[in-house]
Amino acid sequence: MAKTMVLTTVLVITMLINGMSAQKLIVGDGSGWTFPPSAGFYDTWAAKQHFAVGDTLVFEFTSGHTVATVTSKEAYDKCDASLDKNAVIVTKGPYEVSLTSAGQYYYLCTVGAHCTNGQKFAATVSATHAGSSNPTPSSPSPPTPSSPSPPTPPTKDSAGALASSSIFAILIAALVLALLY
């Protein structure tokens, strides 16, 4: 009985810790960062995500697109990165950006009418992953862009990777407990 309770407790703690770890999110999932099929495509994608400090956004795109990170809502609303003196514009993909602080961030494509046709989204980044109780700071600093990385093979959605790591952690915890008892 005690052995079962210990095993259950360890498994629950392992799953909770794994659920709060940083994620690598492919923007647009399988579609990548491209001219959207509908004006609300990226807004819908962003609404389904939970962005937290420590996460990484991966913009998978080829020539003909850019990623502009802007901190100004006006620049975002008007699809004009030149209105934001802090704008960071990347012209080669894939591109990864680490979310280093909580707050509101805006991403858009500066090519032609891509942004006005919906190739943009806003991300509300929280200080912690779901289930944690740390407060969110009120004044964010911009995310730290990393240099473009070499192309990587296509990745399945983030949920699949998280599920695999959770299963692996559970198996390791079960193995350790089996060896100890």
N, C-alpha and C. Protein backbone atom coordinates (compact mmCIF):
# COMPACT_ATOMS: atom_id res chain seq x y z
N MET A 1 0.83 -1.19 0.00
CA MET A 1 0.00 0.00 0.00
C MET A 1 0.87 1.26 0.00
N ALA A 2 1.85 1.33 0.91
CA ALA A 2 2.73 2.50 0.99
C ALA A 2 3.54 2.64 -0.30
N LYS A 3 3.94 1.50 -0.85
CA LYS A 3 4.71 1.50 -2.08
C LYS A 3 3.89 2.11 -3.23
N THR A 4 2.62 1.78 -3.29
CA THR A 4 1.73 2.31 -4.33
C THR A 4 1.54 3.81 -4.18
N MET A 5 1.39 4.27 -2.94
CA MET A 5 1.21 5.71 -2.70
C MET A 5 2.46 6.49 -3.09
N VAL A 6 3.63 5.95 -2.76
CA VAL A 6 4.88 6.62 -3.12
C VAL A 6 5.00 6.69 -4.65
N LEU A 7 4.72 5.60 -5.32
CA LEU A 7 4.80 5.56 -6.78
C LEU A 7 3.81 6.56 -7.39
N THR A 8 2.60 6.59 -6.90
CA THR A 8 1.59 7.52 -7.41
C THR A 8 2.02 8.96 -7.19
N THR A 9 2.55 9.27 -6.01
CA THR A 9 2.99 10.63 -5.70
C THR A 9 4.12 11.06 -6.63
N VAL A 10 5.09 10.19 -6.84
CA VAL A 10 6.22 10.51 -7.72
C VAL A 10 5.73 10.72 -9.15
N LEU A 11 4.82 9.89 -9.60
CA LEU A 11 4.30 10.03 -10.96
C LEU A 11 3.54 11.35 -11.13
N VAL A 12 2.73 11.72 -10.16
CA VAL A 12 1.98 12.98 -10.24
C VAL A 12 2.93 14.17 -10.24
N ILE A 13 3.93 14.16 -9.37
CA ILE A 13 4.90 15.26 -9.31
C ILE A 13 5.67 15.35 -10.63
N THR A 14 6.08 14.22 -11.17
CA THR A 14 6.80 14.21 -12.44
C THR A 14 5.95 14.81 -13.55
N MET A 15 4.68 14.45 -13.61
CA MET A 15 3.80 14.98 -14.65
C MET A 15 3.59 16.48 -14.47
N LEU A 16 3.45 16.94 -13.24
CA LEU A 16 3.26 18.38 -13.00
C LEU A 16 4.50 19.17 -13.40
N ILE A 17 5.66 18.69 -13.03
CA ILE A 17 6.91 19.38 -13.38
C ILE A 17 7.07 19.41 -14.89
N ASN A 18 6.83 18.30 -15.55
CA ASN A 18 6.94 18.25 -17.00
C ASN A 18 5.96 19.18 -17.68
N GLY A 19 4.76 19.32 -17.15
CA GLY A 19 3.75 20.19 -17.73
C GLY A 19 4.10 21.65 -17.60
N MET A 20 5.01 22.00 -16.71
CA MET A 20 5.38 23.39 -16.50
C MET A 20 6.70 23.76 -17.18
N SER A 21 7.26 22.85 -17.97
CA SER A 21 8.55 23.14 -18.60
C SER A 21 8.36 23.95 -19.87
N ALA A 22 9.44 24.56 -20.31
CA ALA A 22 9.41 25.42 -21.50
C ALA A 22 9.04 24.60 -22.73
N GLN A 23 8.42 25.30 -23.69
CA GLN A 23 7.99 24.66 -24.92
C GLN A 23 8.65 25.33 -26.12
N LYS A 24 8.79 24.57 -27.18
CA LYS A 24 9.21 25.11 -28.47
C LYS A 24 7.96 25.07 -29.33
N LEU A 25 7.45 26.25 -29.68
CA LEU A 25 6.19 26.35 -30.42
C LEU A 25 6.44 26.71 -31.87
N ILE A 26 5.98 25.88 -32.79
CA ILE A 26 6.09 26.16 -34.21
C ILE A 26 4.93 27.09 -34.57
N VAL A 27 5.25 28.32 -34.95
CA VAL A 27 4.21 29.30 -35.27
C VAL A 27 3.40 28.81 -36.47
N GLY A 28 2.08 28.71 -36.27
CA GLY A 28 1.20 28.21 -37.33
C GLY A 28 1.16 26.70 -37.44
N ASP A 29 1.78 26.01 -36.48
CA ASP A 29 1.88 24.55 -36.49
C ASP A 29 2.38 24.06 -37.85
N GLY A 30 1.68 23.15 -38.49
CA GLY A 30 2.13 22.55 -39.75
C GLY A 30 2.21 23.52 -40.93
N SER A 31 1.49 24.64 -40.85
CA SER A 31 1.51 25.61 -41.95
C SER A 31 2.77 26.45 -41.95
N GLY A 32 3.38 26.62 -40.79
CA GLY A 32 4.55 27.49 -40.68
C GLY A 32 4.16 28.96 -40.80
N TRP A 33 5.14 29.81 -41.05
CA TRP A 33 4.94 31.26 -41.17
C TRP A 33 4.84 31.57 -42.65
N THR A 34 3.63 31.68 -43.15
CA THR A 34 3.38 31.87 -44.57
C THR A 34 2.13 32.72 -44.76
N PHE A 35 1.83 33.06 -46.01
CA PHE A 35 0.61 33.83 -46.28
C PHE A 35 -0.56 32.99 -45.78
N PRO A 36 -1.38 33.55 -44.88
CA PRO A 36 -2.40 32.74 -44.22
C PRO A 36 -3.59 32.38 -45.13
N PRO A 37 -4.19 31.22 -44.88
CA PRO A 37 -5.36 30.82 -45.66
C PRO A 37 -6.59 31.69 -45.35
N SER A 38 -6.59 32.33 -44.17
CA SER A 38 -7.68 33.24 -43.79
C SER A 38 -7.10 34.36 -42.93
N ALA A 39 -7.81 35.48 -42.88
CA ALA A 39 -7.31 36.65 -42.15
C ALA A 39 -7.07 36.39 -40.67
N GLY A 40 -7.84 35.52 -40.05
CA GLY A 40 -7.70 35.26 -38.62
C GLY A 40 -6.89 34.03 -38.28
N PHE A 41 -6.21 33.45 -39.27
CA PHE A 41 -5.49 32.19 -39.07
C PHE A 41 -4.50 32.24 -37.90
N TYR A 42 -3.60 33.23 -37.89
CA TYR A 42 -2.58 33.29 -36.84
C TYR A 42 -3.16 33.75 -35.50
N ASP A 43 -4.19 34.59 -35.53
CA ASP A 43 -4.87 34.96 -34.28
C ASP A 43 -5.50 33.73 -33.64
N THR A 44 -6.12 32.89 -34.45
CA THR A 44 -6.74 31.66 -33.95
C THR A 44 -5.67 30.73 -33.39
N TRP A 45 -4.55 30.61 -34.11
CA TRP A 45 -3.45 29.76 -33.62
C TRP A 45 -2.96 30.27 -32.27
N ALA A 46 -2.71 31.58 -32.17
CA ALA A 46 -2.18 32.16 -30.93
C ALA A 46 -3.16 31.99 -29.77
N ALA A 47 -4.45 32.09 -30.04
CA ALA A 47 -5.46 31.95 -28.98
C ALA A 47 -5.46 30.55 -28.38
N LYS A 48 -4.99 29.57 -29.11
CA LYS A 48 -4.95 28.19 -28.62
C LYS A 48 -3.68 27.87 -27.83
N GLN A 49 -2.74 28.81 -27.79
CA GLN A 49 -1.45 28.58 -27.14
C GLN A 49 -1.43 29.19 -25.75
N HIS A 50 -0.52 28.68 -24.92
CA HIS A 50 -0.20 29.33 -23.65
C HIS A 50 1.28 29.69 -23.73
N PHE A 51 1.56 30.97 -23.91
CA PHE A 51 2.94 31.44 -24.03
C PHE A 51 3.46 31.78 -22.63
N ALA A 52 4.66 31.30 -22.31
CA ALA A 52 5.25 31.58 -21.00
C ALA A 52 6.74 31.87 -21.16
N VAL A 53 7.27 32.59 -20.18
CA VAL A 53 8.70 32.88 -20.15
C VAL A 53 9.46 31.56 -20.24
N GLY A 54 10.45 31.52 -21.10
CA GLY A 54 11.24 30.31 -21.31
C GLY A 54 10.86 29.58 -22.58
N ASP A 55 9.66 29.86 -23.11
CA ASP A 55 9.25 29.24 -24.37
C ASP A 55 10.05 29.82 -25.53
N THR A 56 10.06 29.10 -26.62
CA THR A 56 10.71 29.56 -27.85
C THR A 56 9.69 29.49 -28.99
N LEU A 57 9.57 30.59 -29.72
CA LEU A 57 8.73 30.60 -30.92
C LEU A 57 9.62 30.28 -32.11
N VAL A 58 9.18 29.36 -32.95
CA VAL A 58 9.92 28.99 -34.15
C VAL A 58 9.10 29.42 -35.36
N PHE A 59 9.67 30.34 -36.13
CA PHE A 59 9.04 30.81 -37.36
C PHE A 59 9.69 30.06 -38.51
N GLU A 60 8.97 29.14 -39.12
CA GLU A 60 9.50 28.39 -40.25
C GLU A 60 9.00 29.06 -41.52
N PHE A 61 9.94 29.65 -42.28
CA PHE A 61 9.57 30.32 -43.52
C PHE A 61 10.74 30.35 -44.48
N THR A 62 10.43 30.65 -45.73
CA THR A 62 11.45 30.77 -46.77
C THR A 62 11.43 32.20 -47.27
N SER A 63 12.14 32.45 -48.36
CA SER A 63 12.17 33.80 -48.91
C SER A 63 10.75 34.24 -49.26
N GLY A 64 10.56 35.53 -49.27
CA GLY A 64 9.24 36.07 -49.55
C GLY A 64 8.45 36.39 -48.30
N HIS A 65 9.08 36.21 -47.14
CA HIS A 65 8.44 36.53 -45.86
C HIS A 65 9.48 37.13 -44.93
N THR A 66 9.02 37.82 -43.90
CA THR A 66 9.88 38.32 -42.83
C THR A 66 9.17 38.08 -41.51
N VAL A 67 9.92 38.23 -40.43
CA VAL A 67 9.32 38.25 -39.10
C VAL A 67 9.75 39.57 -38.48
N ALA A 68 8.78 40.41 -38.16
CA ALA A 68 9.07 41.65 -37.45
C ALA A 68 8.52 41.49 -36.04
N THR A 69 9.39 41.66 -35.06
CA THR A 69 8.97 41.67 -33.67
C THR A 69 8.83 43.13 -33.29
N VAL A 70 7.62 43.54 -32.92
CA VAL A 70 7.38 44.94 -32.54
C VAL A 70 6.81 44.99 -31.14
N THR A 71 7.10 46.06 -30.43
CA THR A 71 6.57 46.24 -29.08
C THR A 71 5.45 47.27 -29.05
N SER A 72 5.25 47.94 -30.16
CA SER A 72 4.23 48.99 -30.26
C SER A 72 2.93 48.42 -30.83
N LYS A 73 1.84 48.59 -30.09
CA LYS A 73 0.53 48.13 -30.58
C LYS A 73 0.14 48.90 -31.83
N GLU A 74 0.51 50.18 -31.89
CA GLU A 74 0.20 50.99 -33.08
C GLU A 74 0.88 50.40 -34.32
N ALA A 75 2.15 50.04 -34.20
CA ALA A 75 2.88 49.44 -35.33
C ALA A 75 2.21 48.13 -35.74
N TYR A 76 1.78 47.35 -34.76
CA TYR A 76 1.10 46.08 -35.03
C TYR A 76 -0.24 46.32 -35.72
N ASP A 77 -1.05 47.20 -35.15
CA ASP A 77 -2.38 47.47 -35.71
C ASP A 77 -2.31 48.03 -37.13
N LYS A 78 -1.30 48.87 -37.39
CA LYS A 78 -1.16 49.49 -38.71
C LYS A 78 -0.29 48.67 -39.66
N CYS A 79 0.21 47.51 -39.17
CA CYS A 79 1.09 46.66 -39.98
C CYS A 79 2.27 47.45 -40.53
N ASP A 80 2.89 48.25 -39.67
CA ASP A 80 4.00 49.11 -40.09
C ASP A 80 5.11 49.07 -39.04
N ALA A 81 6.08 48.18 -39.23
CA ALA A 81 7.17 48.03 -38.27
C ALA A 81 8.01 49.29 -38.15
N SER A 82 8.00 50.16 -39.16
CA SER A 82 8.80 51.39 -39.10
C SER A 82 8.28 52.36 -38.04
N LEU A 83 7.07 52.14 -37.54
CA LEU A 83 6.53 52.99 -36.47
C LEU A 83 7.11 52.63 -35.10
N ASP A 84 7.85 51.54 -35.02
CA ASP A 84 8.42 51.07 -33.75
C ASP A 84 9.94 51.12 -33.85
N LYS A 85 10.56 52.04 -33.12
CA LYS A 85 12.02 52.18 -33.18
C LYS A 85 12.74 50.95 -32.63
N ASN A 86 12.03 50.10 -31.86
CA ASN A 86 12.63 48.89 -31.30
C ASN A 86 12.36 47.65 -32.14
N ALA A 87 11.76 47.82 -33.30
CA ALA A 87 11.41 46.66 -34.13
C ALA A 87 12.65 45.87 -34.53
N VAL A 88 12.50 44.56 -34.53
CA VAL A 88 13.55 43.66 -35.00
C VAL A 88 12.95 42.92 -36.19
N ILE A 89 13.60 43.04 -37.35
CA ILE A 89 13.08 42.41 -38.56
C ILE A 89 14.08 41.37 -39.05
N VAL A 90 13.60 40.15 -39.23
CA VAL A 90 14.44 39.05 -39.70
C VAL A 90 13.94 38.64 -41.08
N THR A 91 14.88 38.48 -42.01
CA THR A 91 14.50 38.18 -43.39
C THR A 91 14.79 36.75 -43.83
N LYS A 92 15.48 35.98 -43.01
CA LYS A 92 15.81 34.60 -43.38
C LYS A 92 15.31 33.64 -42.31
N GLY A 93 14.69 32.57 -42.76
CA GLY A 93 14.17 31.58 -41.83
C GLY A 93 14.89 30.25 -42.01
N PRO A 94 14.67 29.34 -41.08
CA PRO A 94 13.82 29.51 -39.92
C PRO A 94 14.43 30.46 -38.90
N TYR A 95 13.57 30.99 -38.05
CA TYR A 95 13.98 31.98 -37.06
C TYR A 95 13.37 31.59 -35.72
N GLU A 96 14.17 31.66 -34.67
CA GLU A 96 13.69 31.35 -33.32
C GLU A 96 13.82 32.57 -32.44
N VAL A 97 12.81 32.79 -31.61
CA VAL A 97 12.86 33.89 -30.65
C VAL A 97 12.50 33.32 -29.28
N SER A 98 13.35 33.61 -28.29
CA SER A 98 13.11 33.16 -26.92
C SER A 98 12.26 34.20 -26.20
N LEU A 99 11.25 33.73 -25.51
CA LEU A 99 10.40 34.62 -24.72
C LEU A 99 11.04 34.75 -23.34
N THR A 100 11.66 35.90 -23.09
CA THR A 100 12.47 36.07 -21.88
C THR A 100 11.78 36.83 -20.76
N SER A 101 10.65 37.47 -21.05
CA SER A 101 9.92 38.17 -19.98
C SER A 101 8.44 38.22 -20.31
N ALA A 102 7.65 38.38 -19.27
CA ALA A 102 6.19 38.41 -19.42
C ALA A 102 5.75 39.72 -20.06
N GLY A 103 4.62 39.68 -20.74
CA GLY A 103 4.05 40.88 -21.34
C GLY A 103 3.39 40.59 -22.67
N GLN A 104 3.05 41.64 -23.38
CA GLN A 104 2.39 41.53 -24.68
C GLN A 104 3.41 41.75 -25.79
N TYR A 105 3.44 40.86 -26.77
CA TYR A 105 4.37 40.96 -27.89
C TYR A 105 3.61 40.81 -29.19
N TYR A 106 4.16 41.43 -30.22
CA TYR A 106 3.49 41.45 -31.52
C TYR A 106 4.47 41.00 -32.60
N TYR A 107 3.96 40.17 -33.51
CA TYR A 107 4.77 39.64 -34.61
C TYR A 107 4.00 39.84 -35.91
N LEU A 108 4.72 40.27 -36.96
CA LEU A 108 4.07 40.49 -38.24
C LEU A 108 5.05 40.29 -39.38
N CYS A 109 4.50 40.09 -40.57
CA CYS A 109 5.31 40.00 -41.79
C CYS A 109 5.27 41.36 -42.46
N THR A 110 6.44 41.85 -42.89
CA THR A 110 6.52 43.19 -43.49
C THR A 110 6.46 43.16 -45.02
N VAL A 111 6.29 41.99 -45.61
CA VAL A 111 6.28 41.87 -47.07
C VAL A 111 4.89 42.21 -47.62
N GLY A 112 4.84 43.15 -48.57
CA GLY A 112 3.60 43.50 -49.26
C GLY A 112 2.41 43.65 -48.32
N ALA A 113 1.32 43.02 -48.69
CA ALA A 113 0.08 43.09 -47.90
C ALA A 113 -0.09 41.86 -47.01
N HIS A 114 0.98 41.12 -46.74
CA HIS A 114 0.88 39.91 -45.93
C HIS A 114 0.27 40.22 -44.56
N CYS A 115 0.76 41.25 -43.91
CA CYS A 115 0.26 41.59 -42.57
C CYS A 115 -1.21 42.00 -42.62
N THR A 116 -1.56 42.87 -43.53
CA THR A 116 -2.96 43.33 -43.60
C THR A 116 -3.90 42.20 -43.99
N ASN A 117 -3.36 41.13 -44.56
CA ASN A 117 -4.17 39.95 -44.87
C ASN A 117 -4.10 38.88 -43.78
N GLY A 118 -3.51 39.23 -42.63
CA GLY A 118 -3.55 38.34 -41.48
C GLY A 118 -2.27 37.66 -41.07
N GLN A 119 -1.14 37.93 -41.72
CA GLN A 119 0.11 37.28 -41.31
C GLN A 119 0.72 38.08 -40.17
N LYS A 120 0.04 37.99 -39.03
CA LYS A 120 0.48 38.65 -37.80
C LYS A 120 -0.27 38.02 -36.64
N PHE A 121 0.30 38.17 -35.44
CA PHE A 121 -0.41 37.73 -34.23
C PHE A 121 0.19 38.42 -33.02
N ALA A 122 -0.62 38.49 -31.98
CA ALA A 122 -0.18 39.04 -30.70
C ALA A 122 -0.04 37.87 -29.73
N ALA A 123 0.99 37.91 -28.90
CA ALA A 123 1.21 36.86 -27.90
C ALA A 123 1.27 37.49 -26.52
N THR A 124 0.42 37.00 -25.63
CA THR A 124 0.48 37.43 -24.24
C THR A 124 1.31 36.39 -23.50
N VAL A 125 2.49 36.80 -23.06
CA VAL A 125 3.43 35.90 -22.41
C VAL A 125 3.28 36.02 -20.90
N SER A 126 3.02 34.89 -20.24
CA SER A 126 2.91 34.91 -18.78
C SER A 126 4.25 34.53 -18.16
N ALA A 127 4.40 34.87 -16.88
CA ALA A 127 5.67 34.61 -16.19
C ALA A 127 5.92 33.12 -16.00
N THR A 128 4.86 32.35 -15.91
CA THR A 128 5.01 30.92 -15.65
C THR A 128 4.05 30.13 -16.52
N HIS A 129 4.29 28.83 -16.58
CA HIS A 129 3.39 27.94 -17.31
C HIS A 129 2.14 27.70 -16.50
N ALA A 130 1.11 27.23 -17.15
CA ALA A 130 -0.18 26.95 -16.50
C ALA A 130 0.04 26.07 -15.28
N GLY A 131 -0.69 26.37 -14.22
CA GLY A 131 -0.59 25.59 -13.01
C GLY A 131 0.36 26.18 -11.99
N SER A 132 1.14 27.17 -12.36
CA SER A 132 2.06 27.81 -11.43
C SER A 132 1.41 29.07 -10.88
N SER A 133 1.87 29.53 -9.72
CA SER A 133 1.19 30.66 -9.08
C SER A 133 2.03 31.92 -8.96
N ASN A 134 3.13 32.02 -9.70
CA ASN A 134 3.95 33.23 -9.62
C ASN A 134 3.26 34.38 -10.32
N PRO A 135 3.34 35.61 -9.78
CA PRO A 135 2.70 36.74 -10.43
C PRO A 135 3.43 37.16 -11.70
N THR A 136 2.70 37.84 -12.59
CA THR A 136 3.27 38.33 -13.84
C THR A 136 3.71 39.77 -13.66
N PRO A 137 4.96 40.12 -14.02
CA PRO A 137 5.41 41.50 -13.89
C PRO A 137 4.60 42.41 -14.81
N SER A 138 4.51 43.71 -14.44
CA SER A 138 3.67 44.62 -15.21
C SER A 138 4.41 45.31 -16.35
N SER A 139 5.72 45.44 -16.29
CA SER A 139 6.42 46.12 -17.39
C SER A 139 7.45 45.18 -18.01
N PRO A 140 7.13 44.63 -19.19
CA PRO A 140 8.01 43.66 -19.82
C PRO A 140 9.14 44.31 -20.60
N SER A 141 10.19 43.52 -20.81
CA SER A 141 11.24 43.93 -21.74
C SER A 141 11.06 43.06 -22.98
N PRO A 142 11.54 43.51 -24.13
CA PRO A 142 11.31 42.76 -25.36
C PRO A 142 11.95 41.38 -25.31
N PRO A 143 11.39 40.41 -26.07
CA PRO A 143 11.99 39.09 -26.10
C PRO A 143 13.36 39.16 -26.76
N THR A 144 14.22 38.23 -26.40
CA THR A 144 15.57 38.22 -26.94
C THR A 144 15.60 37.35 -28.18
N PRO A 145 15.80 37.95 -29.36
CA PRO A 145 15.87 37.12 -30.56
C PRO A 145 17.20 36.40 -30.60
N SER A 146 17.17 35.18 -31.07
CA SER A 146 18.42 34.45 -31.26
C SER A 146 18.76 34.54 -32.74
N SER A 147 20.00 34.26 -33.07
CA SER A 147 20.37 34.32 -34.48
C SER A 147 19.67 33.19 -35.21
N PRO A 148 19.40 33.39 -36.49
CA PRO A 148 18.71 32.33 -37.24
C PRO A 148 19.49 31.03 -37.16
N SER A 149 18.76 29.95 -36.95
CA SER A 149 19.40 28.65 -36.85
C SER A 149 19.32 27.95 -38.20
N PRO A 150 20.18 26.95 -38.42
CA PRO A 150 20.11 26.23 -39.68
C PRO A 150 18.78 25.50 -39.79
N PRO A 151 18.33 25.22 -41.01
CA PRO A 151 17.06 24.54 -41.18
C PRO A 151 17.03 23.22 -40.42
N THR A 152 15.90 22.95 -39.83
CA THR A 152 15.72 21.70 -39.11
C THR A 152 14.63 20.91 -39.80
N PRO A 153 14.63 19.60 -39.60
CA PRO A 153 13.58 18.80 -40.22
C PRO A 153 12.22 19.24 -39.68
N PRO A 154 11.15 19.07 -40.46
CA PRO A 154 9.83 19.46 -39.97
C PRO A 154 9.52 18.77 -38.66
N THR A 155 8.89 19.52 -37.77
CA THR A 155 8.57 19.03 -36.44
C THR A 155 7.07 18.86 -36.31
N LYS A 156 6.66 17.85 -35.59
CA LYS A 156 5.24 17.69 -35.29
C LYS A 156 4.88 18.80 -34.32
N ASP A 157 3.62 18.90 -33.96
CA ASP A 157 3.22 19.98 -33.06
C ASP A 157 3.85 19.82 -31.69
N SER A 158 3.86 20.88 -30.91
CA SER A 158 4.51 20.92 -29.61
C SER A 158 3.91 19.92 -28.63
N ALA A 159 2.62 19.65 -28.75
CA ALA A 159 1.96 18.74 -27.82
C ALA A 159 2.55 17.34 -27.93
N GLY A 160 2.91 16.90 -29.14
CA GLY A 160 3.49 15.58 -29.32
C GLY A 160 4.83 15.46 -28.62
N ALA A 161 5.66 16.48 -28.73
CA ALA A 161 6.97 16.46 -28.07
C ALA A 161 6.81 16.46 -26.56
N LEU A 162 5.87 17.25 -26.06
CA LEU A 162 5.64 17.33 -24.63
C LEU A 162 5.12 16.00 -24.11
N ALA A 163 4.22 15.35 -24.85
CA ALA A 163 3.68 14.06 -24.44
C ALA A 163 4.79 13.02 -24.39
N SER A 164 5.68 13.02 -25.37
CA SER A 164 6.78 12.06 -25.40
C SER A 164 7.71 12.25 -24.21
N SER A 165 8.04 13.51 -23.89
CA SER A 165 8.93 13.75 -22.76
C SER A 165 8.25 13.38 -21.45
N SER A 166 6.94 13.57 -21.35
CA SER A 166 6.20 13.21 -20.14
C SER A 166 6.22 11.70 -19.94
N ILE A 167 5.98 10.96 -21.01
CA ILE A 167 5.99 9.50 -20.92
C ILE A 167 7.38 9.01 -20.53
N PHE A 168 8.42 9.61 -21.11
CA PHE A 168 9.78 9.23 -20.78
C PHE A 168 10.07 9.49 -19.30
N ALA A 169 9.66 10.64 -18.79
CA ALA A 169 9.89 10.98 -17.38
C ALA A 169 9.15 10.01 -16.46
N ILE A 170 7.94 9.64 -16.84
CA ILE A 170 7.17 8.69 -16.03
C ILE A 170 7.86 7.33 -16.01
N LEU A 171 8.34 6.88 -17.15
CA LEU A 171 9.03 5.59 -17.21
C LEU A 171 10.30 5.60 -16.36
N ILE A 172 11.05 6.67 -16.42
CA ILE A 172 12.27 6.78 -15.60
C ILE A 172 11.92 6.76 -14.12
N ALA A 173 10.89 7.52 -13.73
CA ALA A 173 10.48 7.54 -12.32
C ALA A 173 10.05 6.15 -11.86
N ALA A 174 9.30 5.45 -12.69
CA ALA A 174 8.85 4.10 -12.34
C ALA A 174 10.04 3.16 -12.21
N LEU A 175 11.01 3.28 -13.10
CA LEU A 175 12.20 2.44 -13.05
C LEU A 175 13.00 2.69 -11.77
N VAL A 176 13.19 3.96 -11.42
CA VAL A 176 13.92 4.31 -10.21
C VAL A 176 13.22 3.73 -8.98
N LEU A 177 11.92 3.90 -8.91
CA LEU A 177 11.17 3.37 -7.77
C LEU A 177 11.23 1.85 -7.71
N ALA A 178 11.15 1.20 -8.86
CA ALA A 178 11.22 -0.26 -8.89
C ALA A 178 12.58 -0.74 -8.38
N LEU A 179 13.64 -0.03 -8.72
CA LEU A 179 14.98 -0.41 -8.27
C LEU A 179 15.17 -0.15 -6.78
N LEU A 180 14.51 0.89 -6.26
CA LEU A 180 14.66 1.23 -4.84
C LEU A 180 13.85 0.32 -3.92
N TYR A 181 12.79 -0.26 -4.41
CA TYR A 181 11.93 -1.09 -3.54
C TYR A 181 11.98 -2.51 -3.92
